[in-house]
């Protein structure tokens, strides 16, 4: 992964996770200041919009690194950061698909189901992403894949 790709991925991750966590806090933990308000926080709509509008940037960033970084390492059996990388790969599709389905579902039961899937897969994604960053890289050796 090039430095530019890494910067794009990290920036997108910070934007999407930051707006998602802030929005979730506003929805589930903040108390409305006005008893007649339908919003728990004045910025709730802006956080939702920020989350929905920055999510495609994360999808693009993951797509940009998929073949040369993720898929190449999955196929080769590359060991460094393998567990967290596989967890990222496995949690990404449910996170993205459930976000789309959450926005398009009309029945409340389906909205609740997709919300649970989205919150769970997003939580796994964020934790795996952080673990992937702090896990030490492999030492340079003949068995390691070159850094693209």
Protein backbone atom coordinates (compact mmCIF):
# COMPACT_ATOMS: atom_id res chain seq x y z
CA UNK A 1 0.00 0.00 0.00
CA UNK A 2 1.42 3.37 -0.97
CA UNK A 3 1.64 6.26 1.47
CA UNK A 4 -1.10 8.07 -0.41
CA UNK A 5 -3.39 5.05 -0.18
CA UNK A 6 -2.63 4.70 3.52
CA UNK A 7 -3.35 8.37 4.15
CA UNK A 8 -6.62 8.14 2.24
CA UNK A 9 -7.66 5.02 4.15
CA UNK A 10 -6.75 6.48 7.53
CA UNK A 11 -8.45 9.82 6.81
CA UNK A 12 -11.60 8.08 5.59
CA UNK A 13 -11.58 5.79 8.62
CA UNK A 14 -11.27 8.72 11.03
CA UNK A 15 -14.08 10.63 9.29
CA UNK A 16 -16.50 7.72 9.04
CA UNK A 17 -15.80 6.25 12.48
CA UNK A 18 -15.74 9.67 14.11
CA UNK A 19 -19.06 10.78 12.66
CA UNK A 20 -20.57 7.35 13.27
CA UNK A 21 -19.51 7.24 16.92
CA UNK A 22 -20.63 10.84 17.50
CA UNK A 23 -23.97 10.17 15.83
CA UNK A 24 -24.49 6.96 17.84
CA UNK A 25 -23.70 8.81 21.07
CA UNK A 26 -26.21 11.51 20.15
CA UNK A 27 -28.90 8.95 19.31
CA UNK A 28 -28.52 6.59 22.25
CA UNK A 29 -26.89 8.48 25.12
CA UNK A 30 -27.53 12.22 24.80
CA UNK A 31 -30.56 13.71 26.50
CA UNK A 32 -32.58 16.33 24.60
CA UNK A 33 -32.30 19.83 26.05
CA UNK A 34 -35.87 20.62 25.02
CA UNK A 35 -38.57 18.16 26.05
CA UNK A 36 -40.42 18.75 22.75
CA UNK A 37 -37.39 18.20 20.50
CA UNK A 38 -37.23 15.18 18.22
CA UNK A 39 -33.42 15.40 18.31
CA UNK A 40 -31.24 14.51 21.27
CA UNK A 41 -28.52 16.92 20.16
CA UNK A 42 -28.52 19.98 17.86
CA UNK A 43 -25.79 18.44 15.66
CA UNK A 44 -27.48 15.06 15.27
CA UNK A 45 -28.59 15.70 11.67
CA UNK A 46 -25.15 17.01 10.72
CA UNK A 47 -23.44 13.91 12.15
CA UNK A 48 -25.81 11.66 10.22
CA UNK A 49 -25.16 13.58 7.01
CA UNK A 50 -21.41 13.56 7.64
CA UNK A 51 -21.44 9.82 8.25
CA UNK A 52 -23.52 9.02 5.17
CA UNK A 53 -21.52 11.37 2.92
CA UNK A 54 -18.04 10.23 4.05
CA UNK A 55 -18.80 6.48 3.98
CA UNK A 56 -18.30 6.24 0.18
CA UNK A 57 -14.79 7.62 0.71
CA UNK A 58 -14.01 4.67 2.99
CA UNK A 59 -15.48 2.24 0.46
CA UNK A 60 -13.30 3.79 -2.25
CA UNK A 61 -10.19 3.66 -0.02
CA UNK A 62 -10.73 -0.03 0.78
CA UNK A 63 -11.32 -0.80 -2.90
CA UNK A 64 -8.10 1.03 -3.77
CA UNK A 65 -5.99 -1.18 -1.49
CA UNK A 66 -7.91 -4.43 -1.85
CA UNK A 67 -5.99 -6.18 -4.65
CA UNK A 68 -2.41 -5.14 -3.88
CA UNK A 69 -2.64 -5.13 -0.11
CA UNK A 70 -5.43 -7.28 1.31
CA UNK A 71 -6.11 -9.90 -1.36
CA UNK A 72 -2.43 -10.43 -2.15
CA UNK A 73 -1.70 -11.16 1.52
CA UNK A 74 -4.75 -13.38 1.97
CA UNK A 75 -3.78 -15.53 -1.03
CA UNK A 76 -0.10 -15.75 -0.13
CA UNK A 77 -0.61 -16.79 3.49
CA UNK A 78 1.32 -13.74 4.72
CA UNK A 79 1.42 -14.04 8.53
CA UNK A 80 2.00 -10.53 9.92
CA UNK A 81 -1.27 -8.91 11.01
CA UNK A 82 -3.19 -11.79 9.42
CA UNK A 83 -5.86 -12.18 12.10
CA UNK A 84 -6.76 -8.51 12.19
CA UNK A 85 -6.57 -8.25 8.41
CA UNK A 86 -8.94 -11.18 7.95
CA UNK A 87 -11.29 -9.70 10.53
CA UNK A 88 -11.27 -6.44 8.56
CA UNK A 89 -11.94 -8.28 5.31
CA UNK A 90 -14.78 -10.33 6.79
CA UNK A 91 -16.49 -7.43 8.59
CA UNK A 92 -16.32 -4.93 5.71
CA UNK A 93 -19.04 -6.37 3.48
CA UNK A 94 -21.69 -6.75 6.23
CA UNK A 95 -20.89 -3.23 7.42
CA UNK A 96 -21.38 -1.71 3.96
CA UNK A 97 -24.33 -3.87 2.91
CA UNK A 98 -26.21 -3.31 6.16
CA UNK A 99 -25.67 0.46 5.87
CA UNK A 100 -27.24 0.45 2.42
CA UNK A 101 -30.08 -1.85 3.47
CA UNK A 102 -30.70 0.21 6.61
CA UNK A 103 -31.27 3.29 4.46
CA UNK A 104 -33.57 1.51 2.02
CA UNK A 105 -35.62 -0.77 4.30
CA UNK A 106 -39.19 0.36 4.83
CA UNK A 107 -40.40 -2.17 7.41
CA UNK A 108 -39.40 -1.31 10.97
CA UNK A 109 -38.45 -4.93 11.72
CA UNK A 110 -35.94 -4.96 8.84
CA UNK A 111 -34.59 -1.55 9.86
CA UNK A 112 -33.94 -2.93 13.36
CA UNK A 113 -32.28 -6.05 11.96
CA UNK A 114 -30.01 -4.06 9.64
CA UNK A 115 -29.21 -1.62 12.44
CA UNK A 116 -28.02 -4.47 14.67
CA UNK A 117 -25.91 -5.94 11.85
CA UNK A 118 -24.47 -2.50 11.05
CA UNK A 119 -23.61 -1.61 14.64
CA UNK A 120 -22.04 -5.03 15.29
CA UNK A 121 -20.01 -5.18 12.07
CA UNK A 122 -18.96 -1.53 12.42
CA UNK A 123 -17.80 -2.14 15.98
CA UNK A 124 -15.78 -5.15 14.84
CA UNK A 125 -14.36 -3.13 11.91
CA UNK A 126 -13.24 -0.20 14.10
CA UNK A 127 -11.65 -2.43 16.76
CA UNK A 128 -9.95 -4.62 14.13
CA UNK A 129 -8.69 -1.51 12.32
CA UNK A 130 -7.14 -0.16 15.52
CA UNK A 131 -5.64 -3.57 16.35
CA UNK A 132 -4.30 -3.83 12.79
CA UNK A 133 -2.54 -0.50 13.22
CA UNK A 134 -0.92 -1.28 16.55
CA UNK A 135 0.12 -4.86 15.75
CA UNK A 136 3.84 -4.89 14.92
CA UNK A 137 4.81 -5.29 11.28
CA UNK A 138 6.82 -8.29 10.15
CA UNK A 139 10.58 -7.92 10.15
CA UNK A 140 12.21 -7.76 6.74
CA UNK A 141 13.00 -11.29 5.60
CA UNK A 142 12.91 -13.35 2.49
CA UNK A 143 9.46 -14.73 3.33
CA UNK A 144 7.75 -11.37 3.73
CA UNK A 145 5.91 -9.82 0.83
CA UNK A 146 7.42 -6.59 -0.39
CA UNK A 147 5.49 -3.49 0.58
CA UNK A 148 3.73 -2.33 -2.58
